[in-house]
Amino acid sequence: LPAVIDATVKSLKKAGFSAWEKLYLKPVQSKDSVAQFKYKTRREIIDEGYSIVLNIGDQNSDMVNGLAEVSVLLPNPFYSQSSS
C-alpha cells in the first residue's frame, strides 16, 4: 500500500500540487463502494467545518450526493459506452 500512496503523492507533485493538509485514499480493506467512500469522506470534510466549493470527477458516482456548491462531470472516453 505505501507504493500506492507514494505514486499518488508523486503524481500530485508532478501536477503542481505540493501543499495539502490531508490526502484521502480508500483503504483496501474497506467494504464501502467507491461512491460510499467518497460520500463519507466529503461528509467528514464538511463536518470538520469546511465547505466544498467544487467537486470534479469523471464518473457519474462522483456526482452522487456531491455535497459541493458546484459539481463538474469531466468527459472520460475510458468510461463511455458505445450505443451501437
PDB file of N, CA and C in Angstrom:
ATOM      1  N   LEU A   1       0.807  -1.214   0.000  1.00  0.00           N
ATOM      2  CA  LEU A   1       0.000   0.000   0.000  1.00  0.00           C
ATOM      3  C   LEU A   1       0.844   1.270   0.000  1.00  0.00           C
ATOM      4  N   PRO A   2       1.955   1.329   0.729  1.00  0.00           N
ATOM      5  CA  PRO A   2       2.774   2.553   0.674  1.00  0.00           C
ATOM      6  C   PRO A   2       3.191   2.930  -0.744  1.00  0.00           C
ATOM      7  N   ALA A   3       3.376   1.948  -1.627  1.00  0.00           N
ATOM      8  CA  ALA A   3       3.743   2.256  -3.012  1.00  0.00           C
ATOM      9  C   ALA A   3       2.627   3.030  -3.703  1.00  0.00           C
ATOM     10  N   VAL A   4       1.378   2.690  -3.394  1.00  0.00           N
ATOM     11  CA  VAL A   4       0.239   3.406  -3.974  1.00  0.00           C
ATOM     12  C   VAL A   4       0.221   4.843  -3.476  1.00  0.00           C
ATOM     13  N   ILE A   5       0.454   5.009  -2.186  1.00  0.00           N
ATOM     14  CA  ILE A   5       0.486   6.354  -1.606  1.00  0.00           C
ATOM     15  C   ILE A   5       1.634   7.150  -2.217  1.00  0.00           C
ATOM     16  N   ASP A   6       2.803   6.544  -2.310  1.00  0.00           N
ATOM     17  CA  ASP A   6       3.959   7.225  -2.899  1.00  0.00           C
ATOM     18  C   ASP A   6       3.686   7.634  -4.345  1.00  0.00           C
ATOM     19  N   ALA A   7       3.066   6.754  -5.118  1.00  0.00           N
ATOM     20  CA  ALA A   7       2.766   7.059  -6.522  1.00  0.00           C
ATOM     21  C   ALA A   7       1.759   8.197  -6.615  1.00  0.00           C
ATOM     22  N   THR A   8       0.781   8.208  -5.727  1.00  0.00           N
ATOM     23  CA  THR A   8      -0.223   9.267  -5.731  1.00  0.00           C
ATOM     24  C   THR A   8       0.410  10.604  -5.389  1.00  0.00           C
ATOM     25  N   VAL A   9       1.239  10.624  -4.358  1.00  0.00           N
ATOM     26  CA  VAL A   9       1.918  11.861  -3.952  1.00  0.00           C
ATOM     27  C   VAL A   9       2.827  12.354  -5.074  1.00  0.00           C
ATOM     28  N   LYS A  10       3.540  11.448  -5.710  1.00  0.00           N
ATOM     29  CA  LYS A  10       4.426  11.824  -6.819  1.00  0.00           C
ATOM     30  C   LYS A  10       3.621  12.441  -7.968  1.00  0.00           C
ATOM     31  N   SER A  11       2.478  11.837  -8.297  1.00  0.00           N
ATOM     32  CA  SER A  11       1.632  12.363  -9.372  1.00  0.00           C
ATOM     33  C   SER A  11       1.087  13.739  -9.033  1.00  0.00           C
ATOM     34  N   LEU A  12       0.648  13.921  -7.787  1.00  0.00           N
ATOM     35  CA  LEU A  12       0.138  15.224  -7.360  1.00  0.00           C
ATOM     36  C   LEU A  12       1.215  16.296  -7.464  1.00  0.00           C
ATOM     37  N   LYS A  13       2.405  15.980  -6.995  1.00  0.00           N
ATOM     38  CA  LYS A  13       3.504  16.956  -7.050  1.00  0.00           C
ATOM     39  C   LYS A  13       3.877  17.274  -8.498  1.00  0.00           C
ATOM     40  N   LYS A  14       3.888  16.246  -9.352  1.00  0.00           N
ATOM     41  CA  LYS A  14       4.207  16.466 -10.761  1.00  0.00           C
ATOM     42  C   LYS A  14       3.182  17.386 -11.419  1.00  0.00           C
ATOM     43  N   ALA A  15       1.935  17.323 -10.953  1.00  0.00           N
ATOM     44  CA  ALA A  15       0.861  18.164 -11.497  1.00  0.00           C
ATOM     45  C   ALA A  15       0.851  19.557 -10.869  1.00  0.00           C
ATOM     46  N   GLY A  16       1.771  19.795  -9.936  1.00  0.00           N
ATOM     47  CA  GLY A  16       1.886  21.129  -9.343  1.00  0.00           C
ATOM     48  C   GLY A  16       1.235  21.287  -7.981  1.00  0.00           C
ATOM     49  N   PHE A  17       0.719  20.205  -7.420  1.00  0.00           N
ATOM     50  CA  PHE A  17       0.110  20.257  -6.092  1.00  0.00           C
ATOM     51  C   PHE A  17       1.130  19.781  -5.066  1.00  0.00           C
ATOM     52  N   SER A  18       1.529  20.668  -4.172  1.00  0.00           N
ATOM     53  CA  SER A  18       2.567  20.269  -3.215  1.00  0.00           C
ATOM     54  C   SER A  18       2.201  20.570  -1.770  1.00  0.00           C
ATOM     55  N   ALA A  19       1.089  21.248  -1.551  1.00  0.00           N
ATOM     56  CA  ALA A  19       0.710  21.590  -0.182  1.00  0.00           C
ATOM     57  C   ALA A  19      -0.736  21.186   0.071  1.00  0.00           C
ATOM     58  N   TRP A  20      -0.925  20.201   0.910  1.00  0.00           N
ATOM     59  CA  TRP A  20      -2.261  19.794   1.309  1.00  0.00           C
ATOM     60  C   TRP A  20      -2.206  19.385   2.769  1.00  0.00           C
ATOM     61  N   GLU A  21      -3.356  19.451   3.417  1.00  0.00           N
ATOM     62  CA  GLU A  21      -3.423  19.078   4.824  1.00  0.00           C
ATOM     63  C   GLU A  21      -3.711  17.599   5.000  1.00  0.00           C
ATOM     64  N   LYS A  22      -4.550  17.058   4.128  1.00  0.00           N
ATOM     65  CA  LYS A  22      -4.912  15.647   4.209  1.00  0.00           C
ATOM     66  C   LYS A  22      -5.031  15.077   2.811  1.00  0.00           C
ATOM     67  N   LEU A  23      -4.738  13.806   2.720  1.00  0.00           N
ATOM     68  CA  LEU A  23      -4.913  13.072   1.471  1.00  0.00           C
ATOM     69  C   LEU A  23      -5.779  11.866   1.795  1.00  0.00           C
ATOM     70  N   TYR A  24      -6.941  11.795   1.156  1.00  0.00           N
ATOM     71  CA  TYR A  24      -7.883  10.720   1.437  1.00  0.00           C
ATOM     72  C   TYR A  24      -7.766   9.643   0.369  1.00  0.00           C
ATOM     73  N   LEU A  25      -7.440   8.431   0.790  1.00  0.00           N
ATOM     74  CA  LEU A  25      -7.379   7.285  -0.112  1.00  0.00           C
ATOM     75  C   LEU A  25      -8.242   6.176   0.476  1.00  0.00           C
ATOM     76  N   LYS A  26      -9.026   5.526  -0.364  1.00  0.00           N
ATOM     77  CA  LYS A  26      -9.907   4.463   0.117  1.00  0.00           C
ATOM     78  C   LYS A  26      -9.054   3.292   0.590  1.00  0.00           C
ATOM     79  N   PRO A  27      -9.210   2.903   1.856  1.00  0.00           N
ATOM     80  CA  PRO A  27      -8.446   1.757   2.358  1.00  0.00           C
ATOM     81  C   PRO A  27      -8.793   0.476   1.596  1.00  0.00           C
ATOM     82  N   VAL A  28      -7.796  -0.318   1.313  1.00  0.00           N
ATOM     83  CA  VAL A  28      -8.002  -1.561   0.561  1.00  0.00           C
ATOM     84  C   VAL A  28      -9.000  -2.464   1.284  1.00  0.00           C
ATOM     85  N   GLN A  29      -8.937  -2.496   2.602  1.00  0.00           N
ATOM     86  CA  GLN A  29      -9.807  -3.394   3.363  1.00  0.00           C
ATOM     87  C   GLN A  29     -11.228  -2.853   3.545  1.00  0.00           C
ATOM     88  N   SER A  30     -11.505  -1.648   3.076  1.00  0.00           N
ATOM     89  CA  SER A  30     -12.830  -1.046   3.223  1.00  0.00           C
ATOM     90  C   SER A  30     -13.875  -1.837   2.453  1.00  0.00           C
ATOM     91  N   LYS A  31     -15.019  -2.058   3.082  1.00  0.00           N
ATOM     92  CA  LYS A  31     -16.119  -2.755   2.426  1.00  0.00           C
ATOM     93  C   LYS A  31     -17.045  -1.778   1.698  1.00  0.00           C
ATOM     94  N   ASP A  32     -16.805  -0.480   1.864  1.00  0.00           N
ATOM     95  CA  ASP A  32     -17.597   0.539   1.174  1.00  0.00           C
ATOM     96  C   ASP A  32     -17.309   0.523  -0.320  1.00  0.00           C
ATOM     97  N   SER A  33     -18.330   0.844  -1.100  1.00  0.00           N
ATOM     98  CA  SER A  33     -18.105   1.066  -2.523  1.00  0.00           C
ATOM     99  C   SER A  33     -17.315   2.374  -2.654  1.00  0.00           C
ATOM    100  N   VAL A  34     -16.793   2.629  -3.828  1.00  0.00           N
ATOM    101  CA  VAL A  34     -16.064   3.883  -4.054  1.00  0.00           C
ATOM    102  C   VAL A  34     -16.997   5.068  -3.833  1.00  0.00           C
ATOM    103  N   ALA A  35     -18.234   4.966  -4.332  1.00  0.00           N
ATOM    104  CA  ALA A  35     -19.201   6.057  -4.160  1.00  0.00           C
ATOM    105  C   ALA A  35     -19.486   6.296  -2.678  1.00  0.00           C
ATOM    106  N   GLN A  36     -19.644   5.225  -1.902  1.00  0.00           N
ATOM    107  CA  GLN A  36     -19.892   5.367  -0.460  1.00  0.00           C
ATOM    108  C   GLN A  36     -18.694   6.025   0.226  1.00  0.00           C
ATOM    109  N   PHE A  37     -17.487   5.584  -0.141  1.00  0.00           N
ATOM    110  CA  PHE A  37     -16.279   6.158   0.459  1.00  0.00           C
ATOM    111  C   PHE A  37     -16.189   7.650   0.153  1.00  0.00           C
ATOM    112  N   LYS A  38     -16.448   8.019  -1.094  1.00  0.00           N
ATOM    113  CA  LYS A  38     -16.365   9.430  -1.478  1.00  0.00           C
ATOM    114  C   LYS A  38     -17.392  10.257  -0.710  1.00  0.00           C
ATOM    115  N   TYR A  39     -18.613   9.745  -0.591  1.00  0.00           N
ATOM    116  CA  TYR A  39     -19.653  10.470   0.140  1.00  0.00           C
ATOM    117  C   TYR A  39     -19.249  10.647   1.608  1.00  0.00           C
ATOM    118  N   LYS A  40     -18.827   9.561   2.252  1.00  0.00           N
ATOM    119  CA  LYS A  40     -18.441   9.630   3.670  1.00  0.00           C
ATOM    120  C   LYS A  40     -17.272  10.594   3.874  1.00  0.00           C
ATOM    121  N   THR A  41     -16.339  10.599   2.938  1.00  0.00           N
ATOM    122  CA  THR A  41     -15.187  11.494   3.042  1.00  0.00           C
ATOM    123  C   THR A  41     -15.615  12.945   2.894  1.00  0.00           C
ATOM    124  N   ARG A  42     -16.485  13.237   1.931  1.00  0.00           N
ATOM    125  CA  ARG A  42     -16.994  14.605   1.781  1.00  0.00           C
ATOM    126  C   ARG A  42     -17.757  15.038   3.030  1.00  0.00           C
ATOM    127  N   ARG A  43     -18.568  14.135   3.569  1.00  0.00           N
ATOM    128  CA  ARG A  43     -19.342  14.431   4.777  1.00  0.00           C
ATOM    129  C   ARG A  43     -18.387  14.750   5.935  1.00  0.00           C
ATOM    130  N   GLU A  44     -17.303  13.987   6.076  1.00  0.00           N
ATOM    131  CA  GLU A  44     -16.296  14.220   7.121  1.00  0.00           C
ATOM    132  C   GLU A  44     -15.663  15.600   6.956  1.00  0.00           C
ATOM    133  N   ILE A  45     -15.330  15.964   5.736  1.00  0.00           N
ATOM    134  CA  ILE A  45     -14.722  17.270   5.462  1.00  0.00           C
ATOM    135  C   ILE A  45     -15.681  18.389   5.861  1.00  0.00           C
ATOM    136  N   ILE A  46     -16.948  18.242   5.503  1.00  0.00           N
ATOM    137  CA  ILE A  46     -17.955  19.248   5.859  1.00  0.00           C
ATOM    138  C   ILE A  46     -18.148  19.301   7.368  1.00  0.00           C
ATOM    139  N   ASP A  47     -18.185  18.138   8.004  1.00  0.00           N
ATOM    140  CA  ASP A  47     -18.362  18.082   9.454  1.00  0.00           C
ATOM    141  C   ASP A  47     -17.191  18.726  10.202  1.00  0.00           C
ATOM    142  N   GLU A  48     -16.025  18.799   9.560  1.00  0.00           N
ATOM    143  CA  GLU A  48     -14.866  19.468  10.165  1.00  0.00           C
ATOM    144  C   GLU A  48     -14.941  20.988   9.996  1.00  0.00           C
ATOM    145  N   GLY A  49     -15.998  21.467   9.327  1.00  0.00           N
ATOM    146  CA  GLY A  49     -16.206  22.901   9.201  1.00  0.00           C
ATOM    147  C   GLY A  49     -15.818  23.502   7.864  1.00  0.00           C
ATOM    148  N   TYR A  50     -15.407  22.672   6.936  1.00  0.00           N
ATOM    149  CA  TYR A  50     -15.033  23.157   5.616  1.00  0.00           C
ATOM    150  C   TYR A  50     -16.238  23.165   4.687  1.00  0.00           C
ATOM    151  N   SER A  51     -16.174  23.968   3.645  1.00  0.00           N
ATOM    152  CA  SER A  51     -17.157  23.953   2.569  1.00  0.00           C
ATOM    153  C   SER A  51     -16.482  23.403   1.327  1.00  0.00           C
ATOM    154  N   ILE A  52     -17.165  22.546   0.624  1.00  0.00           N
ATOM    155  CA  ILE A  52     -16.647  22.039  -0.649  1.00  0.00           C
ATOM    156  C   ILE A  52     -17.266  22.903  -1.732  1.00  0.00           C
ATOM    157  N   VAL A  53     -16.459  23.737  -2.337  1.00  0.00           N
ATOM    158  CA  VAL A  53     -16.989  24.669  -3.333  1.00  0.00           C
ATOM    159  C   VAL A  53     -17.012  24.070  -4.729  1.00  0.00           C
ATOM    160  N   LEU A  54     -16.133  23.086  -5.000  1.00  0.00           N
ATOM    161  CA  LEU A  54     -16.075  22.495  -6.332  1.00  0.00           C
ATOM    162  C   LEU A  54     -15.740  21.019  -6.224  1.00  0.00           C
ATOM    163  N   ASN A  55     -16.539  20.216  -6.883  1.00  0.00           N
ATOM    164  CA  ASN A  55     -16.333  18.782  -6.960  1.00  0.00           C
ATOM    165  C   ASN A  55     -16.149  18.447  -8.437  1.00  0.00           C
ATOM    166  N   ILE A  56     -15.013  17.854  -8.778  1.00  0.00           N
ATOM    167  CA  ILE A  56     -14.717  17.499 -10.162  1.00  0.00           C
ATOM    168  C   ILE A  56     -14.486  16.001 -10.235  1.00  0.00           C
ATOM    169  N   GLY A  57     -15.122  15.344 -11.196  1.00  0.00           N
ATOM    170  CA  GLY A  57     -14.918  13.917 -11.361  1.00  0.00           C
ATOM    171  C   GLY A  57     -15.215  13.479 -12.771  1.00  0.00           C
ATOM    172  N   ASP A  58     -14.835  12.240 -13.068  1.00  0.00           N
ATOM    173  CA  ASP A  58     -15.060  11.730 -14.418  1.00  0.00           C
ATOM    174  C   ASP A  58     -15.988  10.521 -14.429  1.00  0.00           C
ATOM    175  N   GLN A  59     -16.647  10.261 -13.303  1.00  0.00           N
ATOM    176  CA  GLN A  59     -17.595   9.160 -13.216  1.00  0.00           C
ATOM    177  C   GLN A  59     -18.903   9.674 -12.619  1.00  0.00           C
ATOM    178  N   ASN A  60     -20.006   9.095 -13.052  1.00  0.00           N
ATOM    179  CA  ASN A  60     -21.293   9.519 -12.513  1.00  0.00           C
ATOM    180  C   ASN A  60     -21.331   9.387 -10.999  1.00  0.00           C
ATOM    181  N   SER A  61     -20.666   8.373 -10.451  1.00  0.00           N
ATOM    182  CA  SER A  61     -20.664   8.194  -8.999  1.00  0.00           C
ATOM    183  C   SER A  61     -19.979   9.364  -8.288  1.00  0.00           C
ATOM    184  N   ASP A  62     -19.149  10.101  -8.995  1.00  0.00           N
ATOM    185  CA  ASP A  62     -18.500  11.282  -8.408  1.00  0.00           C
ATOM    186  C   ASP A  62     -19.503  12.400  -8.166  1.00  0.00           C
ATOM    187  N   MET A  63     -20.618  12.359  -8.869  1.00  0.00           N
ATOM    188  CA  MET A  63     -21.605  13.433  -8.785  1.00  0.00           C
ATOM    189  C   MET A  63     -22.720  13.141  -7.782  1.00  0.00           C
ATOM    190  N   VAL A  64     -22.893  11.882  -7.397  1.00  0.00           N
ATOM    191  CA  VAL A  64     -23.967  11.485  -6.491  1.00  0.00           C
ATOM    192  C   VAL A  64     -23.692  12.035  -5.097  1.00  0.00           C
ATOM    193  N   ASN A  65     -24.670  12.758  -4.554  1.00  0.00           N
ATOM    194  CA  ASN A  65     -24.517  13.338  -3.218  1.00  0.00           C
ATOM    195  C   ASN A  65     -23.204  14.102  -3.097  1.00  0.00           C
ATOM    196  N   GLY A  66     -22.884  14.888  -4.116  1.00  0.00           N
ATOM    197  CA  GLY A  66     -21.605  15.578  -4.178  1.00  0.00           C
ATOM    198  C   GLY A  66     -21.291  16.467  -3.000  1.00  0.00           C
ATOM    199  N   LEU A  67     -22.335  16.991  -2.351  1.00  0.00           N
ATOM    200  CA  LEU A  67     -22.153  17.851  -1.179  1.00  0.00           C
ATOM    201  C   LEU A  67     -21.269  19.052  -1.489  1.00  0.00           C
ATOM    202  N   ALA A  68     -21.270  19.472  -2.729  1.00  0.00           N
ATOM    203  CA  ALA A  68     -20.472  20.626  -3.138  1.00  0.00           C
ATOM    204  C   ALA A  68     -21.392  21.691  -3.720  1.00  0.00           C
ATOM    205  N   GLU A  69     -20.905  22.920  -3.703  1.00  0.00           N
ATOM    206  CA  GLU A  69     -21.689  24.006  -4.298  1.00  0.00           C
ATOM    207  C   GLU A  69     -21.836  23.805  -5.803  1.00  0.00           C
ATOM    208  N   VAL A  70     -20.784  23.325  -6.454  1.00  0.00           N
ATOM    209  CA  VAL A  70     -20.798  23.069  -7.892  1.00  0.00           C
ATOM    210  C   VAL A  70     -20.107  21.731  -8.142  1.00  0.00           C
ATOM    211  N   SER A  71     -20.705  20.909  -8.999  1.00  0.00           N
ATOM    212  CA  SER A  71     -20.089  19.647  -9.403  1.00  0.00           C
ATOM    213  C   SER A  71     -19.932  19.643 -10.913  1.00  0.00           C
ATOM    214  N   VAL A  72     -18.779  19.181 -11.383  1.00  0.00           N
ATOM    215  CA  VAL A  72     -18.476  19.159 -12.818  1.00  0.00           C
ATOM    216  C   VAL A  72     -18.081  17.739 -13.204  1.00  0.00           C
ATOM    217  N   LEU A  73     -18.814  17.187 -14.167  1.00  0.00           N
ATOM    218  CA  LEU A  73     -18.508  15.860 -14.688  1.00  0.00           C
ATOM    219  C   LEU A  73     -17.638  16.018 -15.931  1.00  0.00           C
ATOM    220  N   LEU A  74     -16.423  15.535 -15.852  1.00  0.00           N
ATOM    221  CA  LEU A  74     -15.487  15.623 -16.974  1.00  0.00           C
ATOM    222  C   LEU A  74     -15.675  14.433 -17.907  1.00  0.00           C
ATOM    223  N   PRO A  75     -15.528  14.651 -19.207  1.00  0.00           N
ATOM    224  CA  PRO A  75     -15.625  13.515 -20.127  1.00  0.00           C
ATOM    225  C   PRO A  75     -14.416  12.596 -19.973  1.00  0.00           C
ATOM    226  N   ASN A  76     -14.657  11.300 -20.064  1.00  0.00           N
ATOM    227  CA  ASN A  76     -13.578  10.344 -19.995  1.00  0.00           C
ATOM    228  C   ASN A  76     -13.917   9.208 -20.957  1.00  0.00           C
ATOM    229  N   PRO A  77     -13.210   9.110 -22.069  1.00  0.00           N
ATOM    230  CA  PRO A  77     -13.537   8.092 -23.078  1.00  0.00           C
ATOM    231  C   PRO A  77     -13.361   6.660 -22.575  1.00  0.00           C
ATOM    232  N   PHE A  78     -12.605   6.451 -21.517  1.00  0.00           N
ATOM    233  CA  PHE A  78     -12.415   5.110 -20.988  1.00  0.00           C
ATOM    234  C   PHE A  78     -13.661   4.596 -20.284  1.00  0.00           C
ATOM    235  N   TYR A  79     -14.549   5.512 -19.844  1.00  0.00           N
ATOM    236  CA  TYR A  79     -15.756   5.115 -19.140  1.00  0.00           C
ATOM    237  C   TYR A  79     -16.994   5.192 -20.014  1.00  0.00           C
ATOM    238  N   SER A  80     -16.891   5.823 -21.175  1.00  0.00           N
ATOM    239  CA  SER A  80     -18.078   5.944 -22.032  1.00  0.00           C
ATOM    240  C   SER A  80     -18.345   4.614 -22.709  1.00  0.00           C
ATOM    241  N   GLN A  81     -19.625   4.377 -22.990  1.00  0.00           N
ATOM    242  CA  GLN A  81     -20.012   3.130 -23.642  1.00  0.00           C
ATOM    243  C   GLN A  81     -20.664   3.456 -24.976  1.00  0.00           C
ATOM    244  N   SER A  82     -20.360   2.689 -25.953  1.00  0.00           N
ATOM    245  CA  SER A  82     -20.937   2.875 -27.276  1.00  0.00           C
ATOM    246  C   SER A  82     -22.381   2.410 -27.273  1.00  0.00           C
ATOM    247  N   SER A  83     -23.223   3.133 -28.006  1.00  0.00           N
ATOM    248  CA  SER A  83     -24.630   2.744 -28.092  1.00  0.00           C
ATOM    249  C   SER A  83     -24.883   1.825 -29.282  1.00  0.00           C
ATOM    250  N   SER A  84     -23.840   1.467 -30.006  1.00  0.00           N
ATOM    251  CA  SER A  84     -24.041   0.608 -31.180  1.00  0.00           C
ATOM    252  C   SER A  84     -23.790  -0.846 -30.864  1.00  0.00           C
TER     253      SER A  84
END
